[in-house]
């Protein structure tokens, strides 16, 4: 896998590159947000720091999302809720706070890329007038295509495979982010809120103390 490491700290950049290369990836390291859009086609996934030499990483992410929906994993020292929510709403697929553990970084990276076309098995699910084409990563409601981010799509799929049944929060979280991901993650709550907003025709019932249930349409 080709990884674009966008990080202004040379020692951190070198460490990330060394780790990712050691497990079989090809890495390109840059330190400026302005280079991200120019060079994003050289990679399959982006590791993005929010403190860059020339601009805030959130601005760089916004510019990238105007031209590409490629996987983005934010890796930053900013652990505040405001930055986390802002990054996720701008289109980041996941958010890690430094210092990061090697195994967690690799697991998150695998989970993020798995949500994109090419990693899904061919299926077609239907919930009333809502159609989910898994291999194509496409959702349509009647004649209208619904625009979802890869993370939102994976979250929807996690619910849709258990439609009508109660499913634990941890089960859904692990479907989207992989085993070992914290069930209380803020990332989950933000993406779920966005999914509910984009798909008001679906009812995702919260089961207090357990998880959720996607109700049968109609």
Protein backbone atom coordinates (compact mmCIF):
# COMPACT_ATOMS: atom_id res chain seq x y z
CA UNK A 1 0.00 0.00 0.00
CA UNK A 2 1.23 3.51 -0.81
CA UNK A 3 1.11 5.82 2.21
CA UNK A 4 1.49 9.60 2.09
CA UNK A 5 2.81 10.79 5.47
CA UNK A 6 2.00 14.49 5.96
CA UNK A 7 3.97 15.50 9.05
CA UNK A 8 6.10 18.57 9.85
CA UNK A 9 8.18 16.92 12.60
CA UNK A 10 11.03 15.18 10.81
CA UNK A 11 11.70 12.68 13.61
CA UNK A 12 8.04 11.64 13.80
CA UNK A 13 7.82 11.45 10.02
CA UNK A 14 10.94 9.26 9.87
CA UNK A 15 9.61 6.95 12.60
CA UNK A 16 6.23 6.52 10.90
CA UNK A 17 7.85 5.93 7.53
CA UNK A 18 10.25 3.35 8.96
CA UNK A 19 7.47 1.42 10.71
CA UNK A 20 5.15 1.41 7.71
CA UNK A 21 7.93 0.45 5.31
CA UNK A 22 9.01 -2.41 7.56
CA UNK A 23 5.59 -4.06 7.25
CA UNK A 24 5.54 -3.81 3.47
CA UNK A 25 4.19 -0.36 2.60
CA UNK A 26 5.70 2.27 0.32
CA UNK A 27 5.88 5.69 1.97
CA UNK A 28 6.26 9.27 0.77
CA UNK A 29 6.85 11.94 3.42
CA UNK A 30 5.91 15.61 3.01
CA UNK A 31 5.63 18.42 5.55
CA UNK A 32 3.43 21.02 3.87
CA UNK A 33 -0.32 21.01 3.40
CA UNK A 34 0.07 22.67 0.03
CA UNK A 35 1.77 19.52 -1.26
CA UNK A 36 -1.06 17.25 -0.15
CA UNK A 37 -3.47 18.06 -2.99
CA UNK A 38 -0.63 18.17 -5.52
CA UNK A 39 0.70 14.73 -4.57
CA UNK A 40 -2.31 12.80 -3.27
CA UNK A 41 -2.50 10.70 -6.44
CA UNK A 42 0.86 9.17 -5.52
CA UNK A 43 -0.74 7.36 -2.56
CA UNK A 44 -3.56 5.04 -1.54
CA UNK A 45 -3.99 6.48 1.96
CA UNK A 46 -2.95 9.60 3.89
CA UNK A 47 -1.60 9.93 7.43
CA UNK A 48 -2.21 13.59 8.28
CA UNK A 49 -0.83 15.69 11.11
CA UNK A 50 -2.80 18.84 11.96
CA UNK A 51 0.22 21.02 12.69
CA UNK A 52 1.94 21.60 9.33
CA UNK A 53 4.59 24.05 8.15
CA UNK A 54 2.40 26.18 5.91
CA UNK A 55 -1.20 25.73 7.11
CA UNK A 56 -3.48 24.08 9.60
CA UNK A 57 -4.03 20.41 8.83
CA UNK A 58 -7.80 20.91 8.93
CA UNK A 59 -7.51 23.35 6.03
CA UNK A 60 -5.35 20.85 4.14
CA UNK A 61 -7.95 18.14 4.76
CA UNK A 62 -10.73 20.39 3.48
CA UNK A 63 -8.77 21.10 0.30
CA UNK A 64 -8.10 17.39 -0.22
CA UNK A 65 -11.77 16.52 0.19
CA UNK A 66 -12.64 18.93 -2.63
CA UNK A 67 -10.75 16.71 -5.07
CA UNK A 68 -10.55 13.23 -3.52
CA UNK A 69 -12.35 10.86 -1.13
CA UNK A 70 -9.23 8.76 -0.47
CA UNK A 71 -8.73 7.32 3.03
CA UNK A 72 -7.37 9.81 5.59
CA UNK A 73 -6.17 8.90 9.08
CA UNK A 74 -5.39 11.94 11.24
CA UNK A 75 -2.39 11.40 13.55
CA UNK A 76 -1.89 14.45 15.75
CA UNK A 77 -0.98 15.76 19.19
CA UNK A 78 -4.33 17.59 19.40
CA UNK A 79 -6.51 15.55 21.68
CA UNK A 80 -9.31 18.06 22.26
CA UNK A 81 -12.86 17.19 21.30
CA UNK A 82 -13.27 20.26 19.07
CA UNK A 83 -10.38 19.25 16.78
CA UNK A 84 -11.53 15.63 16.69
CA UNK A 85 -15.08 16.52 15.69
CA UNK A 86 -13.90 19.12 13.15
CA UNK A 87 -11.58 16.62 11.44
CA UNK A 88 -14.24 13.91 11.27
CA UNK A 89 -16.83 16.31 9.89
CA UNK A 90 -14.39 17.48 7.24
CA UNK A 91 -14.01 13.90 6.04
CA UNK A 92 -11.27 12.22 8.08
CA UNK A 93 -11.95 8.51 8.43
CA UNK A 94 -10.31 8.15 11.82
CA UNK A 95 -8.40 10.16 14.43
CA UNK A 96 -5.41 9.09 16.53
CA UNK A 97 -3.74 11.17 19.25
CA UNK A 98 0.04 11.02 19.64
CA UNK A 99 1.92 9.20 20.95
CA UNK A 100 0.47 6.29 19.00
CA UNK A 101 1.08 2.60 19.54
CA UNK A 102 2.42 0.72 16.53
CA UNK A 103 -0.13 -2.09 16.58
CA UNK A 104 -3.03 0.32 16.96
CA UNK A 105 -1.80 2.48 14.08
CA UNK A 106 -1.50 -0.51 11.77
CA UNK A 107 -4.91 -1.86 12.82
CA UNK A 108 -6.57 1.52 12.27
CA UNK A 109 -4.86 1.89 8.88
CA UNK A 110 -6.10 -1.54 7.79
CA UNK A 111 -9.63 -0.80 8.99
CA UNK A 112 -9.75 2.57 7.22
CA UNK A 113 -8.64 1.23 3.84
CA UNK A 114 -10.98 -1.76 4.11
CA UNK A 115 -13.98 0.60 3.89
CA UNK A 116 -13.10 1.74 0.40
CA UNK A 117 -14.03 0.16 -2.99
CA UNK A 118 -11.90 -2.88 -3.74
CA UNK A 119 -12.09 -4.18 -0.19
CA UNK A 120 -15.81 -4.98 -0.06
CA UNK A 121 -17.44 -8.24 -1.07
CA UNK A 122 -20.10 -8.05 -3.82
CA UNK A 123 -23.51 -7.72 -2.21
CA UNK A 124 -26.72 -5.82 -2.66
CA UNK A 125 -28.91 -5.04 0.32
CA UNK A 126 -32.36 -3.45 0.20
CA UNK A 127 -34.16 -1.65 3.00
CA UNK A 128 -37.51 -0.62 1.58
CA UNK A 129 -36.73 1.94 -1.12
CA UNK A 130 -33.13 2.23 0.04
CA UNK A 131 -30.63 0.11 -1.90
CA UNK A 132 -27.06 -0.56 -0.73
CA UNK A 133 -24.65 -1.76 -3.43
CA UNK A 134 -21.69 -2.96 -1.40
CA UNK A 135 -19.09 -3.56 -4.09
CA UNK A 136 -19.82 -0.20 -5.72
CA UNK A 137 -20.04 1.64 -2.38
CA UNK A 138 -23.30 3.21 -3.60
CA UNK A 139 -26.51 4.00 -1.74
CA UNK A 140 -29.68 5.03 -3.54
CA UNK A 141 -33.10 5.99 -2.26
CA UNK A 142 -35.62 5.61 -5.05
CA UNK A 143 -34.03 7.44 -7.98
CA UNK A 144 -31.71 9.54 -5.80
CA UNK A 145 -28.13 8.62 -4.93
CA UNK A 146 -27.20 9.40 -1.32
CA UNK A 147 -23.67 10.68 -0.82
CA UNK A 148 -21.96 8.93 2.09
CA UNK A 149 -18.33 8.96 3.16
CA UNK A 150 -16.64 5.53 3.23
CA UNK A 151 -16.86 5.51 7.03
CA UNK A 152 -20.58 6.37 6.98
CA UNK A 153 -21.12 3.67 4.35
CA UNK A 154 -19.34 1.07 6.48
CA UNK A 155 -21.37 2.11 9.51
CA UNK A 156 -24.62 1.80 7.54
CA UNK A 157 -23.57 -1.64 6.35
CA UNK A 158 -22.84 -2.70 9.92
CA UNK A 159 -26.42 -1.88 10.87
CA UNK A 160 -28.01 -3.17 7.65
CA UNK A 161 -26.56 -6.65 8.07
CA UNK A 162 -28.47 -6.91 11.36
CA UNK A 163 -31.67 -5.09 10.35
CA UNK A 164 -34.49 -5.68 12.82
CA UNK A 165 -32.13 -7.14 15.44
CA UNK A 166 -30.36 -5.55 18.39
CA UNK A 167 -26.61 -5.22 17.86
CA UNK A 168 -24.10 -4.11 20.46
CA UNK A 169 -22.20 -0.87 20.11
CA UNK A 170 -18.91 -2.80 20.24
CA UNK A 171 -19.99 -5.07 17.37
CA UNK A 172 -20.77 -2.09 15.13
CA UNK A 173 -17.58 -0.28 16.16
CA UNK A 174 -15.44 -3.33 15.35
CA UNK A 175 -17.18 -3.73 11.98
CA UNK A 176 -16.12 -0.20 11.03
CA UNK A 177 -12.79 0.29 12.81
CA UNK A 178 -11.63 -3.26 13.53
CA UNK A 179 -11.06 -5.29 16.73
CA UNK A 180 -9.67 -3.49 19.75
CA UNK A 181 -11.15 -0.09 18.91
CA UNK A 182 -12.63 1.71 21.93
CA UNK A 183 -16.41 1.37 21.99
CA UNK A 184 -16.72 4.82 23.59
CA UNK A 185 -14.87 6.50 20.71
CA UNK A 186 -16.07 9.98 19.79
CA UNK A 187 -15.49 9.07 16.14
CA UNK A 188 -18.39 6.62 16.30
CA UNK A 189 -20.82 9.17 17.72
CA UNK A 190 -19.96 11.83 15.15
CA UNK A 191 -20.30 9.47 12.19
CA UNK A 192 -23.55 8.03 13.55
CA UNK A 193 -25.04 11.51 13.90
CA UNK A 194 -24.08 12.32 10.32
CA UNK A 195 -25.53 9.02 9.07
CA UNK A 196 -28.85 9.72 10.79
CA UNK A 197 -28.91 13.21 9.27
CA UNK A 198 -28.26 11.94 5.74
CA UNK A 199 -30.71 9.01 5.98
CA UNK A 200 -33.78 10.35 7.82
CA UNK A 201 -35.89 7.66 6.17
CA UNK A 202 -34.19 5.04 8.35
CA UNK A 203 -34.77 4.61 12.08
CA UNK A 204 -31.74 3.62 14.13
CA UNK A 205 -33.02 3.04 17.65
CA UNK A 206 -30.62 3.46 20.56
CA UNK A 207 -30.86 0.64 23.12
CA UNK A 208 -29.54 2.14 26.32
CA UNK A 209 -26.67 0.25 27.88
CA UNK A 210 -26.32 -2.12 24.91
CA UNK A 211 -26.30 -0.72 21.41
CA UNK A 212 -28.67 -0.13 18.53
CA UNK A 213 -31.30 -1.59 16.26
CA UNK A 214 -31.93 -0.62 12.65
CA UNK A 215 -35.69 -0.90 12.32
CA UNK A 216 -37.32 -2.77 9.46
CA UNK A 217 -38.61 -0.21 6.89
CA UNK A 218 -42.38 0.17 6.81
